[in-house]
């Protein structure tokens, strides 16, 4: 066990090698001489340090004061009352900025979707998604609609996307829906501009019927793969489409029937 510095100074004459003896008699004889030669060691003052209560008066808890959890609860109640007063007195003033809802007409078929994180910066906040019914696009005829579906590829679906905000019972879904998104640019306006320009280029290419793509069917493999992945009954073989048979093959691929030999009446088949 280590002694304090003041205690070690007091017991220094005893711990010295020349004054230490195993014999109690010799140690008793040498004690007066050693104590005379040794210097007086000042004993530290162990009295408590005087504290001025006036200095810590504001930090001491008063008898009628509440504990810290009670102060936190009261602060929470003050915050709640502050917002309740805002709802009661300030919210009615927003009626002056009320506007009647006008459904979008045929000139505004695009549905733009964005993501926000309550004002916090996030990389996904710049993403913009556009969903539009194909029937409301300025396409010239059925051939242009078919070509637009072929060019759209996996971005075309016969039903509205689940996150598009479009109800399946709304009108304009007879030709399916087109969805495109972009998050390659740092600004949201830049991503929206790129998606809008891409739709304009697709419309221009679909209305150009110099190559109508009439012999190319619409690719629906992504729809069947999504249905199989959902496993809601459409993944069972033969349910999403009909069971293939020989009627589905082109006639020119079928083998020619072999002529059967007519057996004579006198011959018997073995």
Protein backbone atom coordinates (compact mmCIF):
# COMPACT_ATOMS: atom_id res chain seq x y z
CA UNK A 1 0.00 0.00 0.00
CA UNK A 2 1.59 3.34 -1.07
CA UNK A 3 1.83 6.14 1.51
CA UNK A 4 1.19 9.81 0.86
CA UNK A 5 4.11 12.14 0.30
CA UNK A 6 3.60 13.88 3.67
CA UNK A 7 3.51 10.51 5.47
CA UNK A 8 6.64 9.30 3.70
CA UNK A 9 8.48 12.45 4.82
CA UNK A 10 7.41 11.87 8.42
CA UNK A 11 8.59 8.24 8.42
CA UNK A 12 11.81 8.91 6.48
CA UNK A 13 14.15 8.55 9.55
CA UNK A 14 12.63 5.15 10.33
CA UNK A 15 12.93 3.81 6.78
CA UNK A 16 16.60 4.77 6.36
CA UNK A 17 18.95 1.79 6.31
CA UNK A 18 21.36 3.12 8.98
CA UNK A 19 18.56 3.62 11.54
CA UNK A 20 16.74 0.35 10.86
CA UNK A 21 17.53 -2.62 13.13
CA UNK A 22 15.87 -5.92 13.67
CA UNK A 23 16.53 -5.71 17.32
CA UNK A 24 13.95 -3.70 19.21
CA UNK A 25 16.49 -2.64 21.89
CA UNK A 26 18.95 -1.13 19.41
CA UNK A 27 16.18 0.60 17.55
CA UNK A 28 14.89 2.10 20.83
CA UNK A 29 18.36 3.44 21.75
CA UNK A 30 18.90 4.98 18.32
CA UNK A 31 15.47 6.57 18.22
CA UNK A 32 16.25 9.65 20.46
CA UNK A 33 19.46 10.45 18.54
CA UNK A 34 17.79 10.05 15.22
CA UNK A 35 14.85 12.19 16.25
CA UNK A 36 17.23 14.94 17.46
CA UNK A 37 19.19 15.02 14.26
CA UNK A 38 16.17 14.82 12.03
CA UNK A 39 14.47 17.97 10.90
CA UNK A 40 10.99 18.85 11.94
CA UNK A 41 8.48 17.91 9.25
CA UNK A 42 5.45 20.12 8.77
CA UNK A 43 2.23 18.23 9.13
CA UNK A 44 -0.29 19.26 6.46
CA UNK A 45 -3.46 20.97 7.52
CA UNK A 46 -6.33 18.54 7.16
CA UNK A 47 -9.02 21.04 8.00
CA UNK A 48 -11.76 21.34 5.33
CA UNK A 49 -11.36 24.09 2.79
CA UNK A 50 -13.69 26.99 3.58
CA UNK A 51 -16.39 27.38 0.92
CA UNK A 52 -18.18 30.62 0.29
CA UNK A 53 -21.81 29.73 -0.12
CA UNK A 54 -22.58 33.00 -1.89
CA UNK A 55 -20.52 31.92 -4.91
CA UNK A 56 -22.51 28.70 -5.45
CA UNK A 57 -25.85 30.06 -4.40
CA UNK A 58 -27.27 30.08 -7.93
CA UNK A 59 -26.14 26.46 -8.46
CA UNK A 60 -27.63 25.02 -5.31
CA UNK A 61 -31.10 23.55 -5.44
CA UNK A 62 -33.70 25.57 -3.61
CA UNK A 63 -36.16 23.91 -1.32
CA UNK A 64 -39.17 24.80 -3.48
CA UNK A 65 -37.49 23.95 -6.84
CA UNK A 66 -38.51 20.95 -8.97
CA UNK A 67 -36.09 18.21 -10.11
CA UNK A 68 -34.61 18.11 -13.62
CA UNK A 69 -37.11 15.57 -15.13
CA UNK A 70 -39.96 17.85 -14.10
CA UNK A 71 -38.34 20.82 -15.87
CA UNK A 72 -37.96 18.73 -19.05
CA UNK A 73 -41.62 17.72 -18.89
CA UNK A 74 -42.69 21.33 -18.44
CA UNK A 75 -40.55 22.38 -21.42
CA UNK A 76 -42.23 19.70 -23.52
CA UNK A 77 -45.62 21.02 -22.51
CA UNK A 78 -44.55 24.56 -23.45
CA UNK A 79 -43.50 23.39 -26.91
CA UNK A 80 -46.82 21.61 -27.39
CA UNK A 81 -48.77 24.68 -26.34
CA UNK A 82 -46.71 26.80 -28.74
CA UNK A 83 -47.72 24.68 -31.74
CA UNK A 84 -51.30 24.45 -30.54
CA UNK A 85 -51.47 28.25 -30.50
CA UNK A 86 -50.06 28.32 -34.04
CA UNK A 87 -52.78 25.93 -35.20
CA UNK A 88 -55.46 27.94 -33.45
CA UNK A 89 -54.46 31.45 -34.49
CA UNK A 90 -52.17 31.20 -37.55
CA UNK A 91 -53.61 28.31 -39.54
CA UNK A 92 -56.88 30.09 -40.38
CA UNK A 93 -54.86 32.79 -42.14
CA UNK A 94 -53.78 30.23 -44.78
CA UNK A 95 -57.31 30.26 -46.19
CA UNK A 96 -56.35 33.37 -48.14
CA UNK A 97 -53.93 31.24 -50.22
CA UNK A 98 -56.48 28.53 -51.00
CA UNK A 99 -56.95 27.65 -54.70
CA UNK A 100 -59.61 25.45 -56.26
CA UNK A 101 -58.47 22.11 -57.63
CA UNK A 102 -58.46 21.97 -61.42
CA UNK A 103 -57.93 18.48 -62.90
CA UNK A 104 -55.19 18.38 -65.54
CA UNK A 105 -56.44 18.41 -69.10
CA UNK A 106 -55.09 16.62 -72.16
CA UNK A 107 -52.32 19.20 -72.52
CA UNK A 108 -50.85 18.16 -69.13
CA UNK A 109 -50.61 14.34 -69.19
CA UNK A 110 -47.31 14.05 -67.29
CA UNK A 111 -47.18 13.00 -63.65
CA UNK A 112 -43.91 14.08 -61.99
CA UNK A 113 -42.88 12.38 -58.75
CA UNK A 114 -40.14 13.59 -56.40
CA UNK A 115 -38.63 12.44 -53.08
CA UNK A 116 -38.01 14.65 -50.05
CA UNK A 117 -36.45 13.93 -46.66
CA UNK A 118 -37.96 16.81 -44.72
CA UNK A 119 -35.42 19.37 -45.85
CA UNK A 120 -32.38 17.22 -45.03
CA UNK A 121 -29.78 16.85 -47.80
CA UNK A 122 -29.87 13.43 -49.47
CA UNK A 123 -28.60 12.15 -52.85
CA UNK A 124 -32.03 10.73 -53.74
CA UNK A 125 -33.71 14.13 -53.30
CA UNK A 126 -32.56 15.18 -56.79
CA UNK A 127 -34.25 12.21 -58.48
CA UNK A 128 -37.26 12.92 -60.72
CA UNK A 129 -39.69 10.37 -62.17
CA UNK A 130 -42.22 10.93 -64.97
CA UNK A 131 -45.22 8.66 -65.56
CA UNK A 132 -47.57 9.25 -68.47
CA UNK A 133 -50.42 7.24 -70.07
CA UNK A 134 -49.54 6.31 -73.63
CA UNK A 135 -53.09 7.08 -74.81
CA UNK A 136 -52.64 10.77 -73.84
CA UNK A 137 -49.41 11.26 -75.77
CA UNK A 138 -49.51 13.03 -79.17
CA UNK A 139 -49.05 9.88 -81.25
CA UNK A 140 -50.35 9.63 -84.82
CA UNK A 141 -52.38 6.44 -85.01
CA UNK A 142 -52.06 2.84 -83.91
CA UNK A 143 -48.82 2.32 -85.81
CA UNK A 144 -47.14 5.14 -83.89
CA UNK A 145 -48.46 3.75 -80.58
CA UNK A 146 -47.08 0.30 -81.42
CA UNK A 147 -43.71 1.75 -82.37
CA UNK A 148 -43.61 3.79 -79.16
CA UNK A 149 -44.18 0.62 -77.09
CA UNK A 150 -41.41 -1.17 -78.95
CA UNK A 151 -38.98 1.70 -78.43
CA UNK A 152 -39.93 2.07 -74.76
CA UNK A 153 -38.93 -1.51 -73.94
CA UNK A 154 -39.06 -2.29 -70.23
CA UNK A 155 -40.26 1.23 -69.41
CA UNK A 156 -43.71 0.40 -70.78
CA UNK A 157 -46.24 -1.52 -68.66
CA UNK A 158 -49.91 -2.32 -69.33
CA UNK A 159 -50.87 -1.19 -65.80
CA UNK A 160 -49.88 1.94 -63.87
CA UNK A 161 -46.82 1.65 -61.61
CA UNK A 162 -47.59 1.29 -57.93
CA UNK A 163 -45.66 4.46 -56.99
CA UNK A 164 -47.00 6.64 -59.81
CA UNK A 165 -50.07 8.03 -58.03
CA UNK A 166 -52.35 6.96 -60.91
CA UNK A 167 -55.36 4.79 -60.17
CA UNK A 168 -55.93 1.77 -62.39
CA UNK A 169 -59.59 2.82 -62.81
CA UNK A 170 -58.71 6.18 -64.36
CA UNK A 171 -59.28 6.71 -68.04
CA UNK A 172 -56.43 6.73 -70.53
CA UNK A 173 -54.86 3.41 -69.62
CA UNK A 174 -56.03 1.39 -72.63
CA UNK A 175 -52.53 1.51 -74.17
CA UNK A 176 -50.53 1.15 -70.97
CA UNK A 177 -48.20 3.54 -69.19
CA UNK A 178 -44.69 4.81 -69.72
CA UNK A 179 -42.29 5.52 -66.84
CA UNK A 180 -38.85 7.12 -66.92
CA UNK A 181 -36.63 8.48 -64.12
CA UNK A 182 -33.25 10.15 -63.83
CA UNK A 183 -30.84 10.85 -60.95
CA UNK A 184 -27.55 11.29 -62.83
CA UNK A 185 -27.33 15.07 -62.37
CA UNK A 186 -26.81 17.02 -59.12
CA UNK A 187 -29.88 19.26 -59.58
CA UNK A 188 -33.50 18.15 -59.69
CA UNK A 189 -34.32 20.49 -62.59
CA UNK A 190 -31.54 18.94 -64.68
CA UNK A 191 -32.87 15.41 -64.09
CA UNK A 192 -36.41 16.49 -64.96
CA UNK A 193 -35.20 18.21 -68.12
CA UNK A 194 -33.34 15.11 -69.28
CA UNK A 195 -36.40 12.88 -68.72
CA UNK A 196 -38.66 15.34 -70.56
CA UNK A 197 -36.25 15.61 -73.49
CA UNK A 198 -36.05 11.82 -73.71
CA UNK A 199 -39.85 11.58 -74.00
CA UNK A 200 -39.79 14.21 -76.76
CA UNK A 201 -37.18 12.21 -78.69
CA UNK A 202 -39.25 9.03 -78.31
CA UNK A 203 -42.36 10.79 -79.60
CA UNK A 204 -40.50 12.14 -82.61
CA UNK A 205 -39.12 8.68 -83.43
CA UNK A 206 -42.52 6.98 -82.94
CA UNK A 207 -44.33 9.41 -85.24
CA UNK A 208 -41.72 8.82 -87.96
CA UNK A 209 -43.40 5.93 -89.77
CA UNK A 210 -40.74 5.48 -92.41
CA UNK A 211 -39.89 2.35 -90.41
CA UNK A 212 -43.05 1.34 -88.62
CA UNK A 213 -41.74 -1.74 -86.73
CA UNK A 214 -45.02 -3.47 -87.52
CA UNK A 215 -43.32 -6.88 -87.75
CA UNK A 216 -41.71 -6.53 -84.30
CA UNK A 217 -43.92 -7.60 -81.36
CA UNK A 218 -44.02 -5.72 -78.06
CA UNK A 219 -41.60 -7.25 -75.57
CA UNK A 220 -43.45 -8.38 -72.43
CA UNK A 221 -40.75 -10.50 -70.82
CA UNK A 222 -40.20 -7.97 -68.05
CA UNK A 223 -43.93 -8.12 -67.19
CA UNK A 224 -43.93 -11.91 -67.00
CA UNK A 225 -40.71 -11.91 -64.94
CA UNK A 226 -42.25 -9.47 -62.47
CA UNK A 227 -45.36 -11.62 -62.24
CA UNK A 228 -43.32 -14.76 -61.59
CA UNK A 229 -41.25 -12.94 -58.95
CA UNK A 230 -44.40 -11.76 -57.12
CA UNK A 231 -45.61 -15.40 -56.86
CA UNK A 232 -49.28 -14.48 -56.67
CA UNK A 233 -50.51 -17.26 -58.96
CA UNK A 234 -49.33 -15.86 -62.28
CA UNK A 235 -45.98 -17.65 -61.98
CA UNK A 236 -47.58 -21.09 -62.42
CA UNK A 237 -46.78 -22.54 -65.82
CA UNK A 238 -49.48 -21.85 -68.40
CA UNK A 239 -51.49 -19.32 -66.35
CA UNK A 240 -49.89 -16.06 -67.47
CA UNK A 241 -50.42 -17.12 -71.09
CA UNK A 242 -51.94 -20.10 -72.82
CA UNK A 243 -50.16 -23.42 -72.97
CA UNK A 244 -48.11 -23.57 -76.20
CA UNK A 245 -49.06 -26.11 -78.81
CA UNK A 246 -48.47 -26.85 -82.48
CA UNK A 247 -51.00 -24.17 -83.43
CA UNK A 248 -48.62 -21.50 -82.15
CA UNK A 249 -45.81 -22.48 -84.55
CA UNK A 250 -45.63 -21.01 -88.05
CA UNK A 251 -47.04 -23.29 -90.68
CA UNK A 252 -43.88 -23.15 -92.74
CA UNK A 253 -41.99 -24.67 -89.81
CA UNK A 254 -44.28 -27.72 -89.59
CA UNK A 255 -43.10 -30.86 -91.38
CA UNK A 256 -44.93 -31.98 -94.50
CA UNK A 257 -47.30 -34.90 -93.89
CA UNK A 258 -46.02 -38.20 -95.26
CA UNK A 259 -48.38 -39.89 -97.79
CA UNK A 260 -49.77 -43.14 -96.39
CA UNK A 261 -49.65 -46.20 -98.64
CA UNK A 262 -53.07 -47.64 -99.51
CA UNK A 263 -53.19 -51.34 -98.65
CA UNK A 264 -54.68 -53.71 -101.30
CA UNK A 265 -57.62 -55.97 -100.33
CA UNK A 266 -55.60 -59.17 -100.84
CA UNK A 267 -52.76 -58.21 -98.59
CA UNK A 268 -52.84 -58.42 -94.86
CA UNK A 269 -50.97 -56.13 -92.51
CA UNK A 270 -48.63 -57.82 -90.08
